C-alpha cells in the first residue's frame, strides 16, 4: 500500500541556509506521526510544506498521490498560538472552517458544529468568546475547527507547549482518542520526548539543522494503539522513552 503523505527527495533552503536536507519518507493514512528533534532543526518547515504554506526548494510532497502546491481544507493546521479568532464566539470559531463548503447543507454544518462542541466538552462554552473562557479551552477550540471542516490531515506544531502539566496530559489523551475514532492522519511536531512517546504511532527523529532523518521508530508496535495515562508508569514506556532520549543525544549531540 502506498503512503498517504509522501516526501519525495524533499529539500528546503531559505537563501543560503539549508533547513531540510533531501528527504524521502512515506506516512501511512490514519496514523499519528510525531516529528521529533531539537528546537530549530527544520521539523516545522517540513510540516508547513505538507500544509502548502511553504514550497520545497527541490523535490515534492504528495498527498494521496497528488502534489501539494497550496493550502486546502484537506489539511488543517493547529499551532502553539492556537489561532482562535477572538472576535468570534467559540461556536462560530468551530464553524468557521466550513464557511466555503457548498457540498453540505446549513443543517449539516450546524450538526457538525454541535458534534465537535460536545466531543471537546465545549457545549457549555459555545456562546462566549475564546478569550473569556478557561486557559485550558482555547486548544480544543483550535483543534475542533479543522475537524469540523472535514480535514483529513491535521498538522500540529507544539500545540500543547504552553499549557500546564495536567491540562497538557488531558489533551494528549483526548487527541489519541480522537485520532482513532475520527480516523485522521496527524503530523505532530514537538521536541518533548515524553510527549512524543505517549502520542505517537511512529516517531521520526531528525538531526540538528539541516533536518535529516536519523531514526524511524514504530511506537505502536511496542506500546499498542491505546494510551491511558497509566502507560507512562510502565517499564515499557520508561525504556522506550530512555531509548529515544539516548538516540537524540547520541545522533544529534543536542539536549532537548
C-alpha atoms as a PDB file:
ATOM      1  CA  UNK A   1       0.000   0.000   0.000  1.00  0.00           C
ATOM      2  CA  UNK A   2       1.419   3.405  -0.985  1.00  0.00           C
ATOM      3  CA  UNK A   3       1.911   6.078   1.655  1.00  0.00           C
ATOM      4  CA  UNK A   4      -0.774   8.733   2.048  1.00  0.00           C
ATOM      5  CA  UNK A   5       1.757  11.530   2.678  1.00  0.00           C
ATOM      6  CA  UNK A   6       4.920  11.161   0.623  1.00  0.00           C
ATOM      7  CA  UNK A   7       8.103  13.231   0.835  1.00  0.00           C
ATOM      8  CA  UNK A   8       9.898  12.650  -2.474  1.00  0.00           C
ATOM      9  CA  UNK A   9      13.519  13.900  -2.325  1.00  0.00           C
ATOM     10  CA  UNK A  10      12.152  16.934  -0.491  1.00  0.00           C
ATOM     11  CA  UNK A  11      14.639  19.654   0.466  1.00  0.00           C
ATOM     12  CA  UNK A  12      14.270  23.256   1.604  1.00  0.00           C
ATOM     13  CA  UNK A  13      16.632  26.207   1.804  1.00  0.00           C
ATOM     14  CA  UNK A  14      15.977  29.810   2.718  1.00  0.00           C
ATOM     15  CA  UNK A  15      18.571  31.672   0.695  1.00  0.00           C
ATOM     16  CA  UNK A  16      21.985  30.241   1.629  1.00  0.00           C
ATOM     17  CA  UNK A  17      20.616  28.483   4.727  1.00  0.00           C
ATOM     18  CA  UNK A  18      19.898  24.790   4.229  1.00  0.00           C
ATOM     19  CA  UNK A  19      16.964  23.926   6.509  1.00  0.00           C
ATOM     20  CA  UNK A  20      15.869  20.479   5.296  1.00  0.00           C
ATOM     21  CA  UNK A  21      18.290  18.116   3.585  1.00  0.00           C
ATOM     22  CA  UNK A  22      16.924  15.868   0.809  1.00  0.00           C
ATOM     23  CA  UNK A  23      14.323  13.624   2.484  1.00  0.00           C
ATOM     24  CA  UNK A  24      12.280  10.694   1.204  1.00  0.00           C
ATOM     25  CA  UNK A  25       9.653   9.482   3.629  1.00  0.00           C
ATOM     26  CA  UNK A  26       6.178   7.940   3.496  1.00  0.00           C
ATOM     27  CA  UNK A  27       3.483   8.357   6.151  1.00  0.00           C
ATOM     28  CA  UNK A  28       0.521   5.978   6.367  1.00  0.00           C
ATOM     29  CA  UNK A  29      -3.073   7.129   6.374  1.00  0.00           C
ATOM     30  CA  UNK A  30      -4.885   7.205   9.743  1.00  0.00           C
ATOM     31  CA  UNK A  31      -1.662   7.287  11.737  1.00  0.00           C
ATOM     32  CA  UNK A  32      -0.261   9.741  14.272  1.00  0.00           C
ATOM     33  CA  UNK A  33       3.326  10.517  13.331  1.00  0.00           C
ATOM     34  CA  UNK A  34       5.484  12.668  15.590  1.00  0.00           C
ATOM     35  CA  UNK A  35       8.322  14.716  14.128  1.00  0.00           C
ATOM     36  CA  UNK A  36      10.813  14.894  16.985  1.00  0.00           C
ATOM     37  CA  UNK A  37      14.050  16.796  17.161  1.00  0.00           C
ATOM     38  CA  UNK A  38      15.877  19.713  18.738  1.00  0.00           C
ATOM     39  CA  UNK A  39      14.395  23.199  18.506  1.00  0.00           C
ATOM     40  CA  UNK A  40      15.066  24.889  15.189  1.00  0.00           C
ATOM     41  CA  UNK A  41      16.090  21.709  13.380  1.00  0.00           C
ATOM     42  CA  UNK A  42      13.622  22.111  10.476  1.00  0.00           C
ATOM     43  CA  UNK A  43      10.773  19.798  11.525  1.00  0.00           C
ATOM     44  CA  UNK A  44       8.225  22.641  11.500  1.00  0.00           C
ATOM     45  CA  UNK A  45       9.349  23.592   7.992  1.00  0.00           C
ATOM     46  CA  UNK A  46       8.639  20.016   6.857  1.00  0.00           C
ATOM     47  CA  UNK A  47       5.166  20.213   8.383  1.00  0.00           C
ATOM     48  CA  UNK A  48       4.486  23.608   6.783  1.00  0.00           C
ATOM     49  CA  UNK A  49       5.394  22.162   3.382  1.00  0.00           C
ATOM     50  CA  UNK A  50       2.811  19.406   3.898  1.00  0.00           C
ATOM     51  CA  UNK A  51       0.299  22.182   4.603  1.00  0.00           C
ATOM     52  CA  UNK A  52       1.245  24.045   1.422  1.00  0.00           C
ATOM     53  CA  UNK A  53       2.415  27.092   3.384  1.00  0.00           C
ATOM     54  CA  UNK A  54       5.981  26.637   2.126  1.00  0.00           C
ATOM     55  CA  UNK A  55       7.179  25.017  -1.094  1.00  0.00           C
ATOM     56  CA  UNK A  56      10.167  22.661  -1.354  1.00  0.00           C
ATOM     57  CA  UNK A  57      13.307  24.051  -2.969  1.00  0.00           C
ATOM     58  CA  UNK A  58      13.752  20.674  -4.645  1.00  0.00           C
ATOM     59  CA  UNK A  59      11.653  17.519  -4.727  1.00  0.00           C
ATOM     60  CA  UNK A  60       7.962  17.391  -3.885  1.00  0.00           C
ATOM     61  CA  UNK A  61       5.325  16.369  -1.349  1.00  0.00           C
ATOM     62  CA  UNK A  62       2.371  14.213  -2.366  1.00  0.00           C
ATOM     63  CA  UNK A  63      -0.933  13.824  -0.542  1.00  0.00           C
ATOM     64  CA  UNK A  64      -2.958  10.869  -1.739  1.00  0.00           C
ATOM     65  CA  UNK A  65      -0.816  10.780  -4.866  1.00  0.00           C
ATOM     66  CA  UNK A  66      -1.400  14.470  -5.687  1.00  0.00           C
ATOM     67  CA  UNK A  67       1.331  17.077  -5.482  1.00  0.00           C
ATOM     68  CA  UNK A  68       0.864  19.634  -2.700  1.00  0.00           C
ATOM     69  CA  UNK A  69       1.022  23.129  -4.199  1.00  0.00           C
ATOM     70  CA  UNK A  70      -1.166  25.241  -1.899  1.00  0.00           C
ATOM     71  CA  UNK A  71      -3.199  25.013   1.318  1.00  0.00           C
ATOM     72  CA  UNK A  72      -6.633  23.409   1.157  1.00  0.00           C
ATOM     73  CA  UNK A  73      -9.233  22.143   3.607  1.00  0.00           C
ATOM     74  CA  UNK A  74      -7.921  18.570   3.469  1.00  0.00           C
ATOM     75  CA  UNK A  75      -5.124  19.752   5.771  1.00  0.00           C
ATOM     76  CA  UNK A  76      -5.994  21.581   8.968  1.00  0.00           C
ATOM     77  CA  UNK A  77      -3.286  23.313  10.982  1.00  0.00           C
ATOM     78  CA  UNK A  78      -3.031  23.885  14.729  1.00  0.00           C
ATOM     79  CA  UNK A  79      -0.164  25.982  16.032  1.00  0.00           C
ATOM     80  CA  UNK A  80       1.084  26.791  19.519  1.00  0.00           C
ATOM     81  CA  UNK A  81      -0.658  30.185  19.317  1.00  0.00           C
ATOM     82  CA  UNK A  82      -3.926  28.232  18.753  1.00  0.00           C
ATOM     83  CA  UNK A  83      -5.156  30.613  16.008  1.00  0.00           C
ATOM     84  CA  UNK A  84      -8.609  31.141  17.511  1.00  0.00           C
ATOM     85  CA  UNK A  85     -10.442  34.230  16.255  1.00  0.00           C
ATOM     86  CA  UNK A  86     -11.076  36.456  19.299  1.00  0.00           C
ATOM     87  CA  UNK A  87     -13.961  38.313  17.596  1.00  0.00           C
ATOM     88  CA  UNK A  88     -15.945  35.089  17.068  1.00  0.00           C
ATOM     89  CA  UNK A  89     -17.675  33.018  19.710  1.00  0.00           C
ATOM     90  CA  UNK A  90     -16.432  29.503  20.430  1.00  0.00           C
ATOM     91  CA  UNK A  91     -19.292  28.061  18.361  1.00  0.00           C
ATOM     92  CA  UNK A  92     -18.585  30.346  15.401  1.00  0.00           C
ATOM     93  CA  UNK A  93     -14.847  29.604  15.638  1.00  0.00           C
ATOM     94  CA  UNK A  94     -15.570  25.908  15.178  1.00  0.00           C
ATOM     95  CA  UNK A  95     -17.998  26.574  12.318  1.00  0.00           C
ATOM     96  CA  UNK A  96     -15.593  28.969  10.572  1.00  0.00           C
ATOM     97  CA  UNK A  97     -13.753  26.280   8.607  1.00  0.00           C
ATOM     98  CA  UNK A  98     -16.996  25.216   6.889  1.00  0.00           C
ATOM     99  CA  UNK A  99     -17.952  28.655   5.597  1.00  0.00           C
ATOM    100  CA  UNK A 100     -16.988  27.917   1.966  1.00  0.00           C
ATOM    101  CA  UNK A 101     -18.209  24.328   1.837  1.00  0.00           C
ATOM    102  CA  UNK A 102     -21.037  24.045  -0.665  1.00  0.00           C
ATOM    103  CA  UNK A 103     -21.208  20.261  -0.521  1.00  0.00           C
ATOM    104  CA  UNK A 104     -23.020  20.193   2.838  1.00  0.00           C
ATOM    105  CA  UNK A 105     -26.195  21.965   3.937  1.00  0.00           C
ATOM    106  CA  UNK A 106     -26.531  24.598   6.639  1.00  0.00           C
ATOM    107  CA  UNK A 107     -28.233  21.988   8.829  1.00  0.00           C
ATOM    108  CA  UNK A 108     -25.308  19.594   8.342  1.00  0.00           C
ATOM    109  CA  UNK A 109     -22.855  22.364   9.244  1.00  0.00           C
ATOM    110  CA  UNK A 110     -24.810  23.100  12.417  1.00  0.00           C
ATOM    111  CA  UNK A 111     -24.853  19.404  13.312  1.00  0.00           C
ATOM    112  CA  UNK A 112     -21.109  19.073  12.773  1.00  0.00           C
ATOM    113  CA  UNK A 113     -20.526  22.125  14.956  1.00  0.00           C
ATOM    114  CA  UNK A 114     -22.684  20.651  17.738  1.00  0.00           C
ATOM    115  CA  UNK A 115     -20.877  17.316  17.433  1.00  0.00           C
ATOM    116  CA  UNK A 116     -17.449  18.844  17.997  1.00  0.00           C
ATOM    117  CA  UNK A 117     -18.650  21.156  20.748  1.00  0.00           C
ATOM    118  CA  UNK A 118     -19.815  18.068  22.619  1.00  0.00           C
ATOM    119  CA  UNK A 119     -16.770  15.968  21.698  1.00  0.00           C
ATOM    120  CA  UNK A 120     -14.387  18.522  23.218  1.00  0.00           C
ATOM    121  CA  UNK A 121     -16.554  19.339  26.225  1.00  0.00           C
ATOM    122  CA  UNK A 122     -17.274  22.819  24.881  1.00  0.00           C
ATOM    123  CA  UNK A 123     -21.086  22.678  24.732  1.00  0.00           C
ATOM    124  CA  UNK A 124     -21.399  24.910  27.812  1.00  0.00           C
ATOM    125  CA  UNK A 125     -18.921  27.392  26.329  1.00  0.00           C
ATOM    126  CA  UNK A 126     -20.456  27.813  22.852  1.00  0.00           C
ATOM    127  CA  UNK A 127     -21.591  31.417  23.400  1.00  0.00           C
ATOM    128  CA  UNK A 128     -18.556  33.153  24.956  1.00  0.00           C
ATOM    129  CA  UNK A 129     -15.529  34.436  23.070  1.00  0.00           C
ATOM    130  CA  UNK A 130     -12.373  32.291  23.332  1.00  0.00           C
ATOM    131  CA  UNK A 131     -10.537  34.836  25.495  1.00  0.00           C
ATOM    132  CA  UNK A 132     -13.393  34.733  28.034  1.00  0.00           C
ATOM    133  CA  UNK A 133     -13.054  31.068  28.905  1.00  0.00           C
ATOM    134  CA  UNK A 134     -10.503  28.992  30.802  1.00  0.00           C
ATOM    135  CA  UNK A 135      -6.905  28.900  29.573  1.00  0.00           C
ATOM    136  CA  UNK A 136      -7.310  25.146  29.067  1.00  0.00           C
ATOM    137  CA  UNK A 137     -10.064  25.637  26.469  1.00  0.00           C
ATOM    138  CA  UNK A 138      -8.506  27.522  23.505  1.00  0.00           C
ATOM    139  CA  UNK A 139      -6.508  24.481  22.261  1.00  0.00           C
ATOM    140  CA  UNK A 140      -9.683  22.340  21.869  1.00  0.00           C
ATOM    141  CA  UNK A 141     -11.351  25.241  20.041  1.00  0.00           C
ATOM    142  CA  UNK A 142      -8.477  25.444  17.555  1.00  0.00           C
ATOM    143  CA  UNK A 143      -8.388  21.654  17.142  1.00  0.00           C
ATOM    144  CA  UNK A 144     -12.158  21.321  16.722  1.00  0.00           C
ATOM    145  CA  UNK A 145     -12.247  23.797  13.808  1.00  0.00           C
ATOM    146  CA  UNK A 146     -10.235  21.744  11.248  1.00  0.00           C
ATOM    147  CA  UNK A 147     -12.014  18.571  12.363  1.00  0.00           C
ATOM    148  CA  UNK A 148     -15.400  20.177  11.778  1.00  0.00           C
ATOM    149  CA  UNK A 149     -14.184  21.458   8.409  1.00  0.00           C
ATOM    150  CA  UNK A 150     -13.536  17.875   7.357  1.00  0.00           C
ATOM    151  CA  UNK A 151      -9.730  17.963   7.222  1.00  0.00           C
ATOM    152  CA  UNK A 152      -8.219  14.531   6.553  1.00  0.00           C
ATOM    153  CA  UNK A 153      -4.789  15.578   7.819  1.00  0.00           C
ATOM    154  CA  UNK A 154      -4.081  17.548  10.991  1.00  0.00           C
ATOM    155  CA  UNK A 155      -0.773  19.387  11.201  1.00  0.00           C
ATOM    156  CA  UNK A 156       0.062  20.290  14.799  1.00  0.00           C
ATOM    157  CA  UNK A 157       3.061  22.390  15.787  1.00  0.00           C
ATOM    158  CA  UNK A 158       3.679  22.063  19.551  1.00  0.00           C
ATOM    159  CA  UNK A 159       0.021  22.931  20.288  1.00  0.00           C
ATOM    160  CA  UNK A 160       0.232  21.961  23.979  1.00  0.00           C
ATOM    161  CA  UNK A 161       3.610  23.517  24.739  1.00  0.00           C
ATOM    162  CA  UNK A 162       2.345  26.478  26.777  1.00  0.00           C
ATOM    163  CA  UNK A 163      -0.154  24.529  28.911  1.00  0.00           C
ATOM    164  CA  UNK A 164       0.131  23.383  32.492  1.00  0.00           C
ATOM    165  CA  UNK A 165       1.044  19.726  33.024  1.00  0.00           C
ATOM    166  CA  UNK A 166      -2.434  18.429  33.906  1.00  0.00           C
ATOM    167  CA  UNK A 167      -4.204  20.202  31.017  1.00  0.00           C
ATOM    168  CA  UNK A 168      -1.498  19.007  28.654  1.00  0.00           C
ATOM    169  CA  UNK A 169      -1.941  15.383  29.793  1.00  0.00           C
ATOM    170  CA  UNK A 170      -5.722  15.581  29.377  1.00  0.00           C
ATOM    171  CA  UNK A 171      -5.449  16.955  25.837  1.00  0.00           C
ATOM    172  CA  UNK A 172      -2.850  14.356  24.865  1.00  0.00           C
ATOM    173  CA  UNK A 173      -5.259  11.585  25.908  1.00  0.00           C
ATOM    174  CA  UNK A 174      -8.125  13.271  24.035  1.00  0.00           C
ATOM    175  CA  UNK A 175      -6.012  13.641  20.904  1.00  0.00           C
ATOM    176  CA  UNK A 176      -5.152   9.921  20.856  1.00  0.00           C
ATOM    177  CA  UNK A 177      -8.824   9.006  21.277  1.00  0.00           C
ATOM    178  CA  UNK A 178      -9.953  11.442  18.570  1.00  0.00           C
ATOM    179  CA  UNK A 179      -7.317  10.246  16.120  1.00  0.00           C
ATOM    180  CA  UNK A 180      -8.519   6.650  16.462  1.00  0.00           C
ATOM    181  CA  UNK A 181     -12.236   7.477  16.488  1.00  0.00           C
ATOM    182  CA  UNK A 182     -12.153  10.026  13.654  1.00  0.00           C
ATOM    183  CA  UNK A 183      -9.535   8.110  11.596  1.00  0.00           C
ATOM    184  CA  UNK A 184      -7.364  11.158  10.991  1.00  0.00           C
ATOM    185  CA  UNK A 185      -3.796  11.367   9.770  1.00  0.00           C
ATOM    186  CA  UNK A 186      -1.851  13.559  12.186  1.00  0.00           C
ATOM    187  CA  UNK A 187       1.638  15.031  11.963  1.00  0.00           C
ATOM    188  CA  UNK A 188       2.590  16.347  15.393  1.00  0.00           C
ATOM    189  CA  UNK A 189       5.751  18.416  15.854  1.00  0.00           C
ATOM    190  CA  UNK A 190       7.460  18.508  19.251  1.00  0.00           C
ATOM    191  CA  UNK A 191      10.849  18.464  20.947  1.00  0.00           C
ATOM    192  CA  UNK A 192       9.383  16.851  24.086  1.00  0.00           C
ATOM    193  CA  UNK A 193      10.457  13.183  24.217  1.00  0.00           C
ATOM    194  CA  UNK A 194       7.831  12.020  26.713  1.00  0.00           C
ATOM    195  CA  UNK A 195       5.033  13.683  24.743  1.00  0.00           C
ATOM    196  CA  UNK A 196       6.323  12.079  21.540  1.00  0.00           C
ATOM    197  CA  UNK A 197       6.418   8.568  23.012  1.00  0.00           C
ATOM    198  CA  UNK A 198       2.967   8.911  24.574  1.00  0.00           C
ATOM    199  CA  UNK A 199       1.257  10.244  21.431  1.00  0.00           C
ATOM    200  CA  UNK A 200       2.968   8.577  18.502  1.00  0.00           C
ATOM    201  CA  UNK A 201       2.181   5.572  16.404  1.00  0.00           C
ATOM    202  CA  UNK A 202       5.540   6.373  14.879  1.00  0.00           C
ATOM    203  CA  UNK A 203       8.360   8.768  15.734  1.00  0.00           C
ATOM    204  CA  UNK A 204      10.523  10.249  13.001  1.00  0.00           C
ATOM    205  CA  UNK A 205      13.626  11.647  14.664  1.00  0.00           C
ATOM    206  CA  UNK A 206      15.525  14.480  12.985  1.00  0.00           C
ATOM    207  CA  UNK A 207      19.053  15.747  13.416  1.00  0.00           C
ATOM    208  CA  UNK A 208      20.072  19.317  14.043  1.00  0.00           C
ATOM    209  CA  UNK A 209      19.612  21.655  11.066  1.00  0.00           C
ATOM    210  CA  UNK A 210      19.600  20.840   8.261  1.00  0.00           C
ATOM    211  CA  UNK A 211      16.948  18.289   9.188  1.00  0.00           C
ATOM    212  CA  UNK A 212      17.927  14.737   8.317  1.00  0.00           C
ATOM    213  CA  UNK A 213      16.118  11.571   9.415  1.00  0.00           C
ATOM    214  CA  UNK A 214      18.298   9.747  11.949  1.00  0.00           C
ATOM    215  CA  UNK A 215      15.731   7.264  13.320  1.00  0.00           C
ATOM    216  CA  UNK A 216      12.264   5.942  12.469  1.00  0.00           C
ATOM    217  CA  UNK A 217      10.632   4.254  15.467  1.00  0.00           C
ATOM    218  CA  UNK A 218       7.460   2.126  15.383  1.00  0.00           C
ATOM    219  CA  UNK A 219       5.978   3.097  18.754  1.00  0.00           C
ATOM    220  CA  UNK A 220       2.626   1.369  18.160  1.00  0.00           C
ATOM    221  CA  UNK A 221       4.397  -1.975  17.784  1.00  0.00           C
ATOM    222  CA  UNK A 222       5.852  -1.563  21.266  1.00  0.00           C
ATOM    223  CA  UNK A 223       3.097   0.229  23.199  1.00  0.00           C
ATOM    224  CA  UNK A 224      -0.062  -0.543  21.187  1.00  0.00           C
ATOM    225  CA  UNK A 225      -2.634   1.998  19.950  1.00  0.00           C
ATOM    226  CA  UNK A 226      -4.388   2.638  23.279  1.00  0.00           C
ATOM    227  CA  UNK A 227      -2.604   5.124  25.565  1.00  0.00           C
ATOM    228  CA  UNK A 228      -4.134   5.512  29.008  1.00  0.00           C
ATOM    229  CA  UNK A 229      -2.168   7.846  31.257  1.00  0.00           C
ATOM    230  CA  UNK A 230      -1.105   4.857  33.335  1.00  0.00           C
ATOM    231  CA  UNK A 231       1.097   3.637  30.490  1.00  0.00           C
ATOM    232  CA  UNK A 232       3.593   6.359  31.422  1.00  0.00           C
ATOM    233  CA  UNK A 233       4.322   4.397  34.622  1.00  0.00           C
ATOM    234  CA  UNK A 234       5.128   1.120  32.862  1.00  0.00           C
ATOM    235  CA  UNK A 235       8.574  -0.330  32.268  1.00  0.00           C
ATOM    236  CA  UNK A 236       7.949  -0.487  28.501  1.00  0.00           C
ATOM    237  CA  UNK A 237       7.217   3.237  28.348  1.00  0.00           C
ATOM    238  CA  UNK A 238      10.172   4.110  30.552  1.00  0.00           C
ATOM    239  CA  UNK A 239      12.575   2.029  28.452  1.00  0.00           C
ATOM    240  CA  UNK A 240      11.310   3.411  25.130  1.00  0.00           C
ATOM    241  CA  UNK A 241      11.454   6.985  26.415  1.00  0.00           C
ATOM    242  CA  UNK A 242      15.059   6.490  27.527  1.00  0.00           C
ATOM    243  CA  UNK A 243      15.992   4.848  24.225  1.00  0.00           C
ATOM    244  CA  UNK A 244      14.589   7.761  22.232  1.00  0.00           C
ATOM    245  CA  UNK A 245      16.314  10.266  24.505  1.00  0.00           C
ATOM    246  CA  UNK A 246      19.590   8.390  24.087  1.00  0.00           C
ATOM    247  CA  UNK A 247      19.174   8.453  20.290  1.00  0.00           C
ATOM    248  CA  UNK A 248      18.713  12.205  20.309  1.00  0.00           C
ATOM    249  CA  UNK A 249      21.750  12.736  22.491  1.00  0.00           C
ATOM    250  CA  UNK A 250      23.903  10.301  20.541  1.00  0.00           C
ATOM    251  CA  UNK A 251      22.826  11.058  16.973  1.00  0.00           C
ATOM    252  CA  UNK A 252      22.434  14.832  17.196  1.00  0.00           C
ATOM    253  CA  UNK A 253      24.586  15.778  20.145  1.00  0.00           C
ATOM    254  CA  UNK A 254      21.712  18.031  21.249  1.00  0.00           C
ATOM    255  CA  UNK A 255      19.955  18.491  24.564  1.00  0.00           C
ATOM    256  CA  UNK A 256      16.170  18.642  24.135  1.00  0.00           C
END
